[in-house]
Amino acid sequence: MQDRMNNLQSIEQYIGTFYSKEWVQKNVLNMTDAEIDEMQRQINKEAGIDVEDGGIDMPDGGDGITRYPQDGSGNFISADDMEGSNGVNNKGDNNGGN
């Protein structure tokens, strides 16, 4: 379990950018479809409970995961500065002026 949590932590910033939540649940956390459905049911139930009573505070329309890709120094990377997996930069003409 510790290995799975470490793996999750190492790719968490890329969920929603390079990895889907479902892919992470299946391939990193090794959850079955039944476990994913049960966990989502529990999360939905907790979202409806007041925080003081053990519920979770989740923004409307969110899934509880904040996605801000970071570089090796912990600085946030904007979508315009991300390099695609095929080695092509996404900065546009003139390297985005950088």
PDB file of N, CA and C in Angstrom:
ATOM      1  N   MET A   1       0.833  -1.196   0.000  1.00  0.00           N
ATOM      2  CA  MET A   1       0.000   0.000   0.000  1.00  0.00           C
ATOM      3  C   MET A   1       0.876   1.259   0.000  1.00  0.00           C
ATOM      4  N   GLN A   2       1.975   1.211   0.768  1.00  0.00           N
ATOM      5  CA  GLN A   2       2.869   2.366   0.831  1.00  0.00           C
ATOM      6  C   GLN A   2       3.458   2.672  -0.542  1.00  0.00           C
ATOM      7  N   ASP A   3       3.827   1.631  -1.293  1.00  0.00           N
ATOM      8  CA  ASP A   3       4.370   1.840  -2.643  1.00  0.00           C
ATOM      9  C   ASP A   3       3.345   2.516  -3.540  1.00  0.00           C
ATOM     10  N   ARG A   4       2.086   2.087  -3.441  1.00  0.00           N
ATOM     11  CA  ARG A   4       1.039   2.688  -4.275  1.00  0.00           C
ATOM     12  C   ARG A   4       0.830   4.152  -3.903  1.00  0.00           C
ATOM     13  N   MET A   5       0.875   4.471  -2.612  1.00  0.00           N
ATOM     14  CA  MET A   5       0.701   5.855  -2.179  1.00  0.00           C
ATOM     15  C   MET A   5       1.883   6.714  -2.648  1.00  0.00           C
ATOM     16  N   ASN A   6       3.089   6.161  -2.592  1.00  0.00           N
ATOM     17  CA  ASN A   6       4.261   6.893  -3.090  1.00  0.00           C
ATOM     18  C   ASN A   6       4.152   7.137  -4.591  1.00  0.00           C
ATOM     19  N   ASN A   7       3.711   6.112  -5.332  1.00  0.00           N
ATOM     20  CA  ASN A   7       3.526   6.277  -6.773  1.00  0.00           C
ATOM     21  C   ASN A   7       2.461   7.321  -7.069  1.00  0.00           C
ATOM     22  N   LEU A   8       1.366   7.281  -6.315  1.00  0.00           N
ATOM     23  CA  LEU A   8       0.298   8.264  -6.494  1.00  0.00           C
ATOM     24  C   LEU A   8       0.826   9.670  -6.244  1.00  0.00           C
ATOM     25  N   GLN A   9       1.581   9.832  -5.182  1.00  0.00           N
ATOM     26  CA  GLN A   9       2.124  11.155  -4.854  1.00  0.00           C
ATOM     27  C   GLN A   9       3.037  11.671  -5.966  1.00  0.00           C
ATOM     28  N   SER A  10       3.793  10.766  -6.585  1.00  0.00           N
ATOM     29  CA  SER A  10       4.734  11.214  -7.610  1.00  0.00           C
ATOM     30  C   SER A  10       4.047  11.657  -8.900  1.00  0.00           C
ATOM     31  N   ILE A  11       2.823  11.182  -9.173  1.00  0.00           N
ATOM     32  CA  ILE A  11       2.128  11.591 -10.404  1.00  0.00           C
ATOM     33  C   ILE A  11       0.887  12.425 -10.139  1.00  0.00           C
ATOM     34  N   GLU A  12       0.576  12.694  -8.868  1.00  0.00           N
ATOM     35  CA  GLU A  12      -0.653  13.404  -8.518  1.00  0.00           C
ATOM     36  C   GLU A  12      -0.818  14.726  -9.268  1.00  0.00           C
ATOM     37  N   GLN A  13       0.267  15.448  -9.439  1.00  0.00           N
ATOM     38  CA  GLN A  13       0.184  16.751 -10.105  1.00  0.00           C
ATOM     39  C   GLN A  13      -0.175  16.636 -11.582  1.00  0.00           C
ATOM     40  N   TYR A  14      -0.074  15.431 -12.137  1.00  0.00           N
ATOM     41  CA  TYR A  14      -0.365  15.238 -13.555  1.00  0.00           C
ATOM     42  C   TYR A  14      -1.738  14.625 -13.813  1.00  0.00           C
ATOM     43  N   ILE A  15      -2.487  14.323 -12.739  1.00  0.00           N
ATOM     44  CA  ILE A  15      -3.836  13.774 -12.915  1.00  0.00           C
ATOM     45  C   ILE A  15      -4.702  14.861 -13.535  1.00  0.00           C
ATOM     46  N   GLY A  16      -5.347  14.510 -14.620  1.00  0.00           N
ATOM     47  CA  GLY A  16      -6.170  15.478 -15.335  1.00  0.00           C
ATOM     48  C   GLY A  16      -5.414  16.187 -16.438  1.00  0.00           C
ATOM     49  N   THR A  17      -4.091  16.091 -16.417  1.00  0.00           N
ATOM     50  CA  THR A  17      -3.267  16.682 -17.459  1.00  0.00           C
ATOM     51  C   THR A  17      -2.727  15.596 -18.370  1.00  0.00           C
ATOM     52  N   PHE A  18      -2.072  14.608 -17.773  1.00  0.00           N
ATOM     53  CA  PHE A  18      -1.500  13.509 -18.545  1.00  0.00           C
ATOM     54  C   PHE A  18      -2.147  12.165 -18.221  1.00  0.00           C
ATOM     55  N   TYR A  19      -2.731  12.039 -17.028  1.00  0.00           N
ATOM     56  CA  TYR A  19      -3.371  10.797 -16.590  1.00  0.00           C
ATOM     57  C   TYR A  19      -4.795  11.085 -16.156  1.00  0.00           C
ATOM     58  N   SER A  20      -5.712  10.195 -16.518  1.00  0.00           N
ATOM     59  CA  SER A  20      -7.082  10.348 -16.033  1.00  0.00           C
ATOM     60  C   SER A  20      -7.174   9.795 -14.620  1.00  0.00           C
ATOM     61  N   LYS A  21      -8.161  10.268 -13.893  1.00  0.00           N
ATOM     62  CA  LYS A  21      -8.397   9.772 -12.544  1.00  0.00           C
ATOM     63  C   LYS A  21      -8.675   8.268 -12.576  1.00  0.00           C
ATOM     64  N   GLU A  22      -9.455   7.823 -13.559  1.00  0.00           N
ATOM     65  CA  GLU A  22      -9.775   6.403 -13.672  1.00  0.00           C
ATOM     66  C   GLU A  22      -8.515   5.577 -13.930  1.00  0.00           C
ATOM     67  N   TRP A  23      -7.634   6.043 -14.805  1.00  0.00           N
ATOM     68  CA  TRP A  23      -6.406   5.310 -15.098  1.00  0.00           C
ATOM     69  C   TRP A  23      -5.568   5.162 -13.830  1.00  0.00           C
ATOM     70  N   VAL A  24      -5.475   6.229 -13.050  1.00  0.00           N
ATOM     71  CA  VAL A  24      -4.698   6.190 -11.810  1.00  0.00           C
ATOM     72  C   VAL A  24      -5.323   5.203 -10.820  1.00  0.00           C
ATOM     73  N   GLN A  25      -6.645   5.239 -10.701  1.00  0.00           N
ATOM     74  CA  GLN A  25      -7.306   4.314  -9.785  1.00  0.00           C
ATOM     75  C   GLN A  25      -7.030   2.864 -10.175  1.00  0.00           C
ATOM     76  N   LYS A  26      -7.076   2.570 -11.475  1.00  0.00           N
ATOM     77  CA  LYS A  26      -6.890   1.195 -11.934  1.00  0.00           C
ATOM     78  C   LYS A  26      -5.427   0.775 -11.970  1.00  0.00           C
ATOM     79  N   ASN A  27      -4.537   1.630 -12.440  1.00  0.00           N
ATOM     80  CA  ASN A  27      -3.159   1.237 -12.716  1.00  0.00           C
ATOM     81  C   ASN A  27      -2.159   1.601 -11.628  1.00  0.00           C
ATOM     82  N   VAL A  28      -2.449   2.601 -10.827  1.00  0.00           N
ATOM     83  CA  VAL A  28      -1.541   2.977  -9.749  1.00  0.00           C
ATOM     84  C   VAL A  28      -2.043   2.411  -8.421  1.00  0.00           C
ATOM     85  N   LEU A  29      -3.336   2.594  -8.160  1.00  0.00           N
ATOM     86  CA  LEU A  29      -3.910   2.107  -6.910  1.00  0.00           C
ATOM     87  C   LEU A  29      -4.408   0.671  -7.005  1.00  0.00           C
ATOM     88  N   ASN A  30      -4.388   0.103  -8.228  1.00  0.00           N
ATOM     89  CA  ASN A  30      -4.823  -1.284  -8.467  1.00  0.00           C
ATOM     90  C   ASN A  30      -6.234  -1.559  -7.964  1.00  0.00           C
ATOM     91  N   MET A  31      -7.140  -0.594  -8.161  1.00  0.00           N
ATOM     92  CA  MET A  31      -8.527  -0.756  -7.741  1.00  0.00           C
ATOM     93  C   MET A  31      -9.323  -1.445  -8.852  1.00  0.00           C
ATOM     94  N   THR A  32     -10.269  -2.272  -8.439  1.00  0.00           N
ATOM     95  CA  THR A  32     -11.180  -2.895  -9.392  1.00  0.00           C
ATOM     96  C   THR A  32     -12.301  -1.911  -9.706  1.00  0.00           C
ATOM     97  N   ASP A  33     -13.089  -2.218 -10.740  1.00  0.00           N
ATOM     98  CA  ASP A  33     -14.235  -1.365 -11.057  1.00  0.00           C
ATOM     99  C   ASP A  33     -15.194  -1.284  -9.874  1.00  0.00           C
ATOM    100  N   ALA A  34     -15.398  -2.400  -9.179  1.00  0.00           N
ATOM    101  CA  ALA A  34     -16.295  -2.423  -8.016  1.00  0.00           C
ATOM    102  C   ALA A  34     -15.743  -1.543  -6.894  1.00  0.00           C
ATOM    103  N   GLU A  35     -14.437  -1.586  -6.665  1.00  0.00           N
ATOM    104  CA  GLU A  35     -13.829  -0.748  -5.626  1.00  0.00           C
ATOM    105  C   GLU A  35     -13.918   0.726  -5.993  1.00  0.00           C
ATOM    106  N   ILE A  36     -13.726   1.039  -7.261  1.00  0.00           N
ATOM    107  CA  ILE A  36     -13.839   2.426  -7.717  1.00  0.00           C
ATOM    108  C   ILE A  36     -15.264   2.933  -7.501  1.00  0.00           C
ATOM    109  N   ASP A  37     -16.251   2.121  -7.889  1.00  0.00           N
ATOM    110  CA  ASP A  37     -17.652   2.516  -7.704  1.00  0.00           C
ATOM    111  C   ASP A  37     -17.988   2.711  -6.232  1.00  0.00           C
ATOM    112  N   GLU A  38     -17.521   1.810  -5.369  1.00  0.00           N
ATOM    113  CA  GLU A  38     -17.784   1.917  -3.932  1.00  0.00           C
ATOM    114  C   GLU A  38     -17.109   3.150  -3.338  1.00  0.00           C
ATOM    115  N   MET A  39     -15.875   3.411  -3.749  1.00  0.00           N
ATOM    116  CA  MET A  39     -15.167   4.580  -3.240  1.00  0.00           C
ATOM    117  C   MET A  39     -15.876   5.864  -3.669  1.00  0.00           C
ATOM    118  N   GLN A  40     -16.337   5.912  -4.929  1.00  0.00           N
ATOM    119  CA  GLN A  40     -17.048   7.097  -5.404  1.00  0.00           C
ATOM    120  C   GLN A  40     -18.350   7.290  -4.646  1.00  0.00           C
ATOM    121  N   ARG A  41     -19.035   6.179  -4.338  1.00  0.00           N
ATOM    122  CA  ARG A  41     -20.272   6.252  -3.553  1.00  0.00           C
ATOM    123  C   ARG A  41     -19.977   6.839  -2.173  1.00  0.00           C
ATOM    124  N   GLN A  42     -18.905   6.387  -1.550  1.00  0.00           N
ATOM    125  CA  GLN A  42     -18.532   6.900  -0.231  1.00  0.00           C
ATOM    126  C   GLN A  42     -18.150   8.376  -0.302  1.00  0.00           C
ATOM    127  N   ILE A  43     -17.402   8.757  -1.320  1.00  0.00           N
ATOM    128  CA  ILE A  43     -16.995  10.158  -1.485  1.00  0.00           C
ATOM    129  C   ILE A  43     -18.226  11.036  -1.670  1.00  0.00           C
ATOM    130  N   ASN A  44     -19.159  10.585  -2.508  1.00  0.00           N
ATOM    131  CA  ASN A  44     -20.391  11.348  -2.728  1.00  0.00           C
ATOM    132  C   ASN A  44     -21.184  11.491  -1.431  1.00  0.00           C
ATOM    133  N   LYS A  45     -21.232  10.424  -0.653  1.00  0.00           N
ATOM    134  CA  LYS A  45     -21.951  10.463   0.620  1.00  0.00           C
ATOM    135  C   LYS A  45     -21.293  11.455   1.571  1.00  0.00           C
ATOM    136  N   GLU A  46     -19.958  11.399   1.672  1.00  0.00           N
ATOM    137  CA  GLU A  46     -19.227  12.301   2.560  1.00  0.00           C
ATOM    138  C   GLU A  46     -19.341  13.749   2.120  1.00  0.00           C
ATOM    139  N   ALA A  47     -19.451  13.982   0.823  1.00  0.00           N
ATOM    140  CA  ALA A  47     -19.571  15.348   0.319  1.00  0.00           C
ATOM    141  C   ALA A  47     -20.879  15.983   0.765  1.00  0.00           C
ATOM    142  N   GLY A  48     -21.875  15.150   1.068  1.00  0.00           N
ATOM    143  CA  GLY A  48     -23.166  15.664   1.517  1.00  0.00           C
ATOM    144  C   GLY A  48     -23.265  15.854   3.016  1.00  0.00           C
ATOM    145  N   ILE A  49     -22.209  15.513   3.752  1.00  0.00           N
ATOM    146  CA  ILE A  49     -22.191  15.633   5.209  1.00  0.00           C
ATOM    147  C   ILE A  49     -21.414  16.878   5.594  1.00  0.00           C
ATOM    148  N   ASP A  50     -21.885  17.578   6.605  1.00  0.00           N
ATOM    149  CA  ASP A  50     -21.208  18.772   7.092  1.00  0.00           C
ATOM    150  C   ASP A  50     -19.779  18.434   7.520  1.00  0.00           C
ATOM    151  N   VAL A  51     -18.841  19.341   7.263  1.00  0.00           N
ATOM    152  CA  VAL A  51     -17.434  19.116   7.571  1.00  0.00           C
ATOM    153  C   VAL A  51     -17.237  18.804   9.057  1.00  0.00           C
ATOM    154  N   GLU A  52     -17.953  19.493   9.926  1.00  0.00           N
ATOM    155  CA  GLU A  52     -17.826  19.262  11.370  1.00  0.00           C
ATOM    156  C   GLU A  52     -18.272  17.858  11.767  1.00  0.00           C
ATOM    157  N   ASP A  53     -19.077  17.216  10.917  1.00  0.00           N
ATOM    158  CA  ASP A  53     -19.571  15.860  11.194  1.00  0.00           C
ATOM    159  C   ASP A  53     -18.787  14.794  10.445  1.00  0.00           C
ATOM    160  N   GLY A  54     -17.624  15.143   9.912  1.00  0.00           N
ATOM    161  CA  GLY A  54     -16.782  14.172   9.241  1.00  0.00           C
ATOM    162  C   GLY A  54     -16.857  14.200   7.729  1.00  0.00           C
ATOM    163  N   GLY A  55     -17.644  15.122   7.175  1.00  0.00           N
ATOM    164  CA  GLY A  55     -17.727  15.240   5.724  1.00  0.00           C
ATOM    165  C   GLY A  55     -16.502  15.934   5.158  1.00  0.00           C
ATOM    166  N   ILE A  56     -16.476  16.084   3.861  1.00  0.00           N
ATOM    167  CA  ILE A  56     -15.351  16.754   3.213  1.00  0.00           C
ATOM    168  C   ILE A  56     -15.838  18.036   2.555  1.00  0.00           C
ATOM    169  N   ASP A  57     -14.963  19.014   2.504  1.00  0.00           N
ATOM    170  CA  ASP A  57     -15.269  20.290   1.871  1.00  0.00           C
ATOM    171  C   ASP A  57     -14.737  20.241   0.446  1.00  0.00           C
ATOM    172  N   MET A  58     -15.662  20.131  -0.521  1.00  0.00           N
ATOM    173  CA  MET A  58     -15.263  20.014  -1.919  1.00  0.00           C
ATOM    174  C   MET A  58     -15.995  21.088  -2.723  1.00  0.00           C
ATOM    175  N   PRO A  59     -15.283  21.826  -3.569  1.00  0.00           N
ATOM    176  CA  PRO A  59     -15.940  22.853  -4.378  1.00  0.00           C
ATOM    177  C   PRO A  59     -16.973  22.246  -5.317  1.00  0.00           C
ATOM    178  N   ASP A  60     -18.020  23.009  -5.605  1.00  0.00           N
ATOM    179  CA  ASP A  60     -19.052  22.548  -6.528  1.00  0.00           C
ATOM    180  C   ASP A  60     -18.443  22.213  -7.880  1.00  0.00           C
ATOM    181  N   GLY A  61     -18.830  21.086  -8.429  1.00  0.00           N
ATOM    182  CA  GLY A  61     -18.372  20.684  -9.748  1.00  0.00           C
ATOM    183  C   GLY A  61     -16.974  20.102  -9.767  1.00  0.00           C
ATOM    184  N   GLY A  62     -16.328  20.011  -8.617  1.00  0.00           N
ATOM    185  CA  GLY A  62     -14.979  19.466  -8.562  1.00  0.00           C
ATOM    186  C   GLY A  62     -14.970  18.003  -8.176  1.00  0.00           C
ATOM    187  N   ASP A  63     -13.812  17.384  -8.278  1.00  0.00           N
ATOM    188  CA  ASP A  63     -13.690  15.997  -7.866  1.00  0.00           C
ATOM    189  C   ASP A  63     -12.725  15.857  -6.700  1.00  0.00           C
ATOM    190  N   GLY A  64     -12.314  16.986  -6.118  1.00  0.00           N
ATOM    191  CA  GLY A  64     -11.451  16.963  -4.951  1.00  0.00           C
ATOM    192  C   GLY A  64      -9.972  16.937  -5.269  1.00  0.00           C
ATOM    193  N   ILE A  65      -9.615  16.959  -6.535  1.00  0.00           N
ATOM    194  CA  ILE A  65      -8.207  16.931  -6.911  1.00  0.00           C
ATOM    195  C   ILE A  65      -7.844  18.272  -7.526  1.00  0.00           C
ATOM    196  N   THR A  66      -6.828  18.915  -6.953  1.00  0.00           N
ATOM    197  CA  THR A  66      -6.316  20.161  -7.503  1.00  0.00           C
ATOM    198  C   THR A  66      -5.145  19.823  -8.400  1.00  0.00           C
ATOM    199  N   ARG A  67      -5.182  20.313  -9.604  1.00  0.00           N
ATOM    200  CA  ARG A  67      -4.163  19.960 -10.589  1.00  0.00           C
ATOM    201  C   ARG A  67      -3.347  21.177 -11.003  1.00  0.00           C
ATOM    202  N   TYR A  68      -2.164  21.287 -10.441  1.00  0.00           N
ATOM    203  CA  TYR A  68      -1.240  22.344 -10.792  1.00  0.00           C
ATOM    204  C   TYR A  68       0.114  21.705 -11.068  1.00  0.00           C
ATOM    205  N   PRO A  69       0.443  21.407 -12.319  1.00  0.00           N
ATOM    206  CA  PRO A  69       1.747  20.803 -12.608  1.00  0.00           C
ATOM    207  C   PRO A  69       2.874  21.698 -12.112  1.00  0.00           C
ATOM    208  N   GLN A  70       3.926  21.053 -11.598  1.00  0.00           N
ATOM    209  CA  GLN A  70       5.067  21.778 -11.057  1.00  0.00           C
ATOM    210  C   GLN A  70       6.350  21.259 -11.682  1.00  0.00           C
ATOM    211  N   ASP A  71       7.342  22.130 -11.699  1.00  0.00           N
ATOM    212  CA  ASP A  71       8.652  21.694 -12.171  1.00  0.00           C
ATOM    213  C   ASP A  71       9.412  21.053 -11.008  1.00  0.00           C
ATOM    214  N   GLY A  72      10.630  20.656 -11.225  1.00  0.00           N
ATOM    215  CA  GLY A  72      11.421  19.994 -10.204  1.00  0.00           C
ATOM    216  C   GLY A  72      11.680  20.835  -8.969  1.00  0.00           C
ATOM    217  N   SER A  73      11.557  22.150  -9.090  1.00  0.00           N
ATOM    218  CA  SER A  73      11.775  23.050  -7.955  1.00  0.00           C
ATOM    219  C   SER A  73      10.491  23.368  -7.210  1.00  0.00           C
ATOM    220  N   GLY A  74       9.377  22.825  -7.671  1.00  0.00           N
ATOM    221  CA  GLY A  74       8.103  23.088  -7.023  1.00  0.00           C
ATOM    222  C   GLY A  74       7.378  24.307  -7.561  1.00  0.00           C
ATOM    223  N   ASN A  75       7.912  24.933  -8.605  1.00  0.00           N
ATOM    224  CA  ASN A  75       7.254  26.092  -9.207  1.00  0.00           C
ATOM    225  C   ASN A  75       6.156  25.619 -10.153  1.00  0.00           C
ATOM    226  N   PHE A  76       5.044  26.318 -10.165  1.00  0.00           N
ATOM    227  CA  PHE A  76       3.936  25.951 -11.033  1.00  0.00           C
ATOM    228  C   PHE A  76       4.298  26.153 -12.502  1.00  0.00           C
ATOM    229  N   ILE A  77       3.818  25.232 -13.347  1.00  0.00           N
ATOM    230  CA  ILE A  77       4.062  25.292 -14.785  1.00  0.00           C
ATOM    231  C   ILE A  77       2.738  25.636 -15.454  1.00  0.00           C
ATOM    232  N   SER A  78       2.728  26.688 -16.249  1.00  0.00           N
ATOM    233  CA  SER A  78       1.505  27.044 -16.960  1.00  0.00           C
ATOM    234  C   SER A  78       1.304  26.083 -18.122  1.00  0.00           C
ATOM    235  N   ALA A  79       0.073  25.958 -18.573  1.00  0.00           N
ATOM    236  CA  ALA A  79      -0.229  25.063 -19.693  1.00  0.00           C
ATOM    237  C   ALA A  79       0.545  25.461 -20.933  1.00  0.00           C
ATOM    238  N   ASP A  80       0.792  26.753 -21.120  1.00  0.00           N
ATOM    239  CA  ASP A  80       1.530  27.228 -22.295  1.00  0.00           C
ATOM    240  C   ASP A  80       2.995  26.820 -22.264  1.00  0.00           C
ATOM    241  N   ASP A  81       3.521  26.554 -21.065  1.00  0.00           N
ATOM    242  CA  ASP A  81       4.924  26.199 -20.934  1.00  0.00           C
ATOM    243  C   ASP A  81       5.175  24.694 -20.878  1.00  0.00           C
ATOM    244  N   MET A  82       4.115  23.901 -20.964  1.00  0.00           N
ATOM    245  CA  MET A  82       4.263  22.449 -20.885  1.00  0.00           C
ATOM    246  C   MET A  82       4.769  21.916 -22.216  1.00  0.00           C
ATOM    247  N   GLU A  83       5.658  20.947 -22.164  1.00  0.00           N
ATOM    248  CA  GLU A  83       6.144  20.299 -23.375  1.00  0.00           C
ATOM    249  C   GLU A  83       5.354  19.025 -23.573  1.00  0.00           C
ATOM    250  N   GLY A  84       4.854  18.811 -24.759  1.00  0.00           N
ATOM    251  CA  GLY A  84       4.071  17.619 -25.052  1.00  0.00           C
ATOM    252  C   GLY A  84       4.916  16.362 -24.979  1.00  0.00           C
ATOM    253  N   SER A  85       4.242  15.220 -24.858  1.00  0.00           N
ATOM    254  CA  SER A  85       4.952  13.954 -24.721  1.00  0.00           C
ATOM    255  C   SER A  85       5.703  13.585 -25.999  1.00  0.00           C
ATOM    256  N   ASN A  86       5.358  14.233 -27.118  1.00  0.00           N
ATOM    257  CA  ASN A  86       6.054  13.931 -28.368  1.00  0.00           C
ATOM    258  C   ASN A  86       7.256  14.849 -28.585  1.00  0.00           C
ATOM    259  N   GLY A  87       7.622  15.621 -27.536  1.00  0.00           N
ATOM    260  CA  GLY A  87       8.802  16.481 -27.621  1.00  0.00           C
ATOM    261  C   GLY A  87       8.526  17.829 -28.264  1.00  0.00           C
ATOM    262  N   VAL A  88       7.291  18.084 -28.675  1.00  0.00           N
ATOM    263  CA  VAL A  88       6.936  19.355 -29.307  1.00  0.00           C
ATOM    264  C   VAL A  88       6.496  20.309 -28.210  1.00  0.00           C
ATOM    265  N   ASN A  89       7.074  21.526 -28.190  1.00  0.00           N
ATOM    266  CA  ASN A  89       6.648  22.447 -27.152  1.00  0.00           C
ATOM    267  C   ASN A  89       5.308  23.075 -27.525  1.00  0.00           C
ATOM    268  N   ASN A  90       4.626  23.534 -26.498  1.00  0.00           N
ATOM    269  CA  ASN A  90       3.310  24.125 -26.662  1.00  0.00           C
ATOM    270  C   ASN A  90       3.349  25.636 -26.515  1.00  0.00           C
ATOM    271  N   LYS A  91       4.515  26.224 -26.737  1.00  0.00           N
ATOM    272  CA  LYS A  91       4.676  27.655 -26.507  1.00  0.00           C
ATOM    273  C   LYS A  91       4.370  28.496 -27.715  1.00  0.00           C
ATOM    274  N   GLY A  92       4.164  27.902 -28.860  1.00  0.00           N
ATOM    275  CA  GLY A  92       3.843  28.672 -30.047  1.00  0.00           C
ATOM    276  C   GLY A  92       5.080  29.238 -30.717  1.00  0.00           C
ATOM    277  N   ASP A  93       4.852  30.220 -31.590  1.00  0.00           N
ATOM    278  CA  ASP A  93       5.950  30.829 -32.335  1.00  0.00           C
ATOM    279  C   ASP A  93       6.921  31.531 -31.389  1.00  0.00           C
ATOM    280  N   ASN A  94       8.159  31.530 -31.762  1.00  0.00           N
ATOM    281  CA  ASN A  94       9.203  32.243 -31.021  1.00  0.00           C
ATOM    282  C   ASN A  94       9.302  31.784 -29.570  1.00  0.00           C
ATOM    283  N   ASN A  95       8.990  30.488 -29.332  1.00  0.00           N
ATOM    284  CA  ASN A  95       9.090  29.897 -27.988  1.00  0.00           C
ATOM    285  C   ASN A  95       8.292  30.683 -26.961  1.00  0.00           C
ATOM    286  N   GLY A  96       7.163  31.237 -27.350  1.00  0.00           N
ATOM    287  CA  GLY A  96       6.317  31.997 -26.436  1.00  0.00           C
ATOM    288  C   GLY A  96       6.937  33.301 -25.984  1.00  0.00           C
ATOM    289  N   GLY A  97       7.955  33.752 -26.712  1.00  0.00           N
ATOM    290  CA  GLY A  97       8.617  34.992 -26.324  1.00  0.00           C
ATOM    291  C   GLY A  97       9.622  34.805 -25.209  1.00  0.00           C
ATOM    292  N   ASN A  98       9.864  33.557 -24.797  1.00  0.00           N
ATOM    293  CA  ASN A  98      10.800  33.284 -23.693  1.00  0.00           C
ATOM    294  C   ASN A  98      12.187  33.033 -24.211  1.00  0.00           C
TER     295      ASN A  98
END
